[in-house]
């Protein structure tokens, strides 16, 4: 257990960040799942709507350093590619 004041504070902050990151990741996973279900059901309008909600959430998580920027970019790219494939 931490004994120095700064270490105690760091531990407290790490706990808060961990909770926040877990909540953000969970909501993004739900958004991704919604997009994929719409794609699987070949519902183009629902897929576009879900994608429009999920992409900014992923970008914001990247800005807040929940995800690495390349991970976020990869997730957005793959989802967009699947939604665009419905048009063809």
C-alpha atoms as a PDB file:
ATOM      1  CA  UNK A   1       0.000   0.000   0.000  1.00  0.00           C
ATOM      2  CA  UNK A   2       1.151   3.534  -0.745  1.00  0.00           C
ATOM      3  CA  UNK A   3       2.569   5.524   2.156  1.00  0.00           C
ATOM      4  CA  UNK A   4       3.734   8.775   0.581  1.00  0.00           C
ATOM      5  CA  UNK A   5       1.167  11.502   0.054  1.00  0.00           C
ATOM      6  CA  UNK A   6       1.847  11.736  -3.675  1.00  0.00           C
ATOM      7  CA  UNK A   7       1.579   7.956  -4.081  1.00  0.00           C
ATOM      8  CA  UNK A   8      -1.745   7.936  -2.222  1.00  0.00           C
ATOM      9  CA  UNK A   9      -3.058  10.662  -4.520  1.00  0.00           C
ATOM     10  CA  UNK A  10      -1.814   8.805  -7.628  1.00  0.00           C
ATOM     11  CA  UNK A  11      -3.564   5.646  -6.431  1.00  0.00           C
ATOM     12  CA  UNK A  12      -6.802   7.564  -5.904  1.00  0.00           C
ATOM     13  CA  UNK A  13      -6.578   9.166  -9.368  1.00  0.00           C
ATOM     14  CA  UNK A  14      -5.781   5.849 -11.016  1.00  0.00           C
ATOM     15  CA  UNK A  15      -8.932   4.360  -9.492  1.00  0.00           C
ATOM     16  CA  UNK A  16     -11.076   7.197 -10.837  1.00  0.00           C
ATOM     17  CA  UNK A  17      -9.504   6.943 -14.296  1.00  0.00           C
ATOM     18  CA  UNK A  18      -9.948   3.181 -14.354  1.00  0.00           C
ATOM     19  CA  UNK A  19     -13.667   3.486 -13.557  1.00  0.00           C
ATOM     20  CA  UNK A  20     -14.168   6.190 -16.184  1.00  0.00           C
ATOM     21  CA  UNK A  21     -12.223   4.252 -18.839  1.00  0.00           C
ATOM     22  CA  UNK A  22     -14.207   1.082 -18.134  1.00  0.00           C
ATOM     23  CA  UNK A  23     -17.500   2.936 -18.524  1.00  0.00           C
ATOM     24  CA  UNK A  24     -16.412   4.585 -21.779  1.00  0.00           C
ATOM     25  CA  UNK A  25     -15.111   1.311 -23.249  1.00  0.00           C
ATOM     26  CA  UNK A  26     -18.331  -0.441 -22.311  1.00  0.00           C
ATOM     27  CA  UNK A  27     -20.524   2.161 -23.997  1.00  0.00           C
ATOM     28  CA  UNK A  28     -18.354   2.038 -27.128  1.00  0.00           C
ATOM     29  CA  UNK A  29     -18.614  -1.754 -27.241  1.00  0.00           C
ATOM     30  CA  UNK A  30     -22.394  -1.397 -27.083  1.00  0.00           C
ATOM     31  CA  UNK A  31     -22.345   1.111 -29.943  1.00  0.00           C
ATOM     32  CA  UNK A  32     -20.126  -1.131 -32.054  1.00  0.00           C
ATOM     33  CA  UNK A  33     -22.431  -4.072 -31.365  1.00  0.00           C
ATOM     34  CA  UNK A  34     -25.431  -1.993 -32.478  1.00  0.00           C
ATOM     35  CA  UNK A  35     -23.707  -1.111 -35.754  1.00  0.00           C
ATOM     36  CA  UNK A  36     -22.709  -4.718 -36.411  1.00  0.00           C
ATOM     37  CA  UNK A  37     -26.215  -6.013 -35.702  1.00  0.00           C
ATOM     38  CA  UNK A  38     -27.664  -3.496 -38.159  1.00  0.00           C
ATOM     39  CA  UNK A  39     -25.094  -4.550 -40.763  1.00  0.00           C
ATOM     40  CA  UNK A  40     -25.874  -8.216 -40.137  1.00  0.00           C
ATOM     41  CA  UNK A  41     -29.591  -7.490 -40.583  1.00  0.00           C
ATOM     42  CA  UNK A  42     -28.766  -5.557 -43.791  1.00  0.00           C
ATOM     43  CA  UNK A  43     -30.575  -2.474 -42.441  1.00  0.00           C
ATOM     44  CA  UNK A  44     -28.676   0.352 -44.117  1.00  0.00           C
ATOM     45  CA  UNK A  45     -30.499   3.243 -42.419  1.00  0.00           C
ATOM     46  CA  UNK A  46     -30.114   1.812 -38.913  1.00  0.00           C
ATOM     47  CA  UNK A  47     -26.459   1.033 -39.578  1.00  0.00           C
ATOM     48  CA  UNK A  48     -25.780   4.605 -40.732  1.00  0.00           C
ATOM     49  CA  UNK A  49     -27.583   6.051 -37.714  1.00  0.00           C
ATOM     50  CA  UNK A  50     -25.701   3.813 -35.276  1.00  0.00           C
ATOM     51  CA  UNK A  51     -22.410   4.604 -37.016  1.00  0.00           C
ATOM     52  CA  UNK A  52     -23.113   8.344 -36.742  1.00  0.00           C
ATOM     53  CA  UNK A  53     -23.426   7.933 -32.953  1.00  0.00           C
ATOM     54  CA  UNK A  54     -20.530   5.528 -32.469  1.00  0.00           C
ATOM     55  CA  UNK A  55     -17.798   7.267 -34.493  1.00  0.00           C
ATOM     56  CA  UNK A  56     -17.775  10.494 -32.428  1.00  0.00           C
ATOM     57  CA  UNK A  57     -17.789   8.437 -29.216  1.00  0.00           C
ATOM     58  CA  UNK A  58     -14.728   6.500 -30.373  1.00  0.00           C
ATOM     59  CA  UNK A  59     -12.998   9.729 -31.445  1.00  0.00           C
ATOM     60  CA  UNK A  60     -13.721  11.339 -28.085  1.00  0.00           C
ATOM     61  CA  UNK A  61     -12.398   8.281 -26.243  1.00  0.00           C
ATOM     62  CA  UNK A  62      -9.233   8.558 -28.296  1.00  0.00           C
ATOM     63  CA  UNK A  63      -8.903  12.244 -27.431  1.00  0.00           C
ATOM     64  CA  UNK A  64      -9.283  11.376 -23.740  1.00  0.00           C
ATOM     65  CA  UNK A  65      -6.614   8.661 -24.140  1.00  0.00           C
ATOM     66  CA  UNK A  66      -8.955   5.774 -23.361  1.00  0.00           C
ATOM     67  CA  UNK A  67      -7.846   4.242 -26.668  1.00  0.00           C
ATOM     68  CA  UNK A  68      -4.650   4.811 -28.591  1.00  0.00           C
ATOM     69  CA  UNK A  69      -5.326   7.040 -31.596  1.00  0.00           C
ATOM     70  CA  UNK A  70      -4.435   4.286 -34.077  1.00  0.00           C
ATOM     71  CA  UNK A  71      -6.738   1.824 -32.313  1.00  0.00           C
ATOM     72  CA  UNK A  72      -9.572   4.330 -32.570  1.00  0.00           C
ATOM     73  CA  UNK A  73      -8.785   4.988 -36.215  1.00  0.00           C
ATOM     74  CA  UNK A  74      -8.784   1.253 -36.958  1.00  0.00           C
ATOM     75  CA  UNK A  75     -12.132   0.727 -35.210  1.00  0.00           C
ATOM     76  CA  UNK A  76     -13.742   3.637 -37.070  1.00  0.00           C
ATOM     77  CA  UNK A  77     -12.299   2.480 -40.396  1.00  0.00           C
ATOM     78  CA  UNK A  78     -13.521  -1.103 -40.032  1.00  0.00           C
ATOM     79  CA  UNK A  79     -17.020  -0.065 -38.979  1.00  0.00           C
ATOM     80  CA  UNK A  80     -17.322   2.468 -41.803  1.00  0.00           C
ATOM     81  CA  UNK A  81     -16.111  -0.119 -44.302  1.00  0.00           C
ATOM     82  CA  UNK A  82     -18.795  -2.603 -43.199  1.00  0.00           C
ATOM     83  CA  UNK A  83     -21.573   0.015 -43.366  1.00  0.00           C
ATOM     84  CA  UNK A  84     -20.424   1.194 -46.804  1.00  0.00           C
ATOM     85  CA  UNK A  85     -20.402  -2.416 -48.041  1.00  0.00           C
ATOM     86  CA  UNK A  86     -24.201  -2.470 -47.576  1.00  0.00           C
ATOM     87  CA  UNK A  87     -24.581   0.022 -50.444  1.00  0.00           C
ATOM     88  CA  UNK A  88     -22.971  -2.318 -52.954  1.00  0.00           C
END
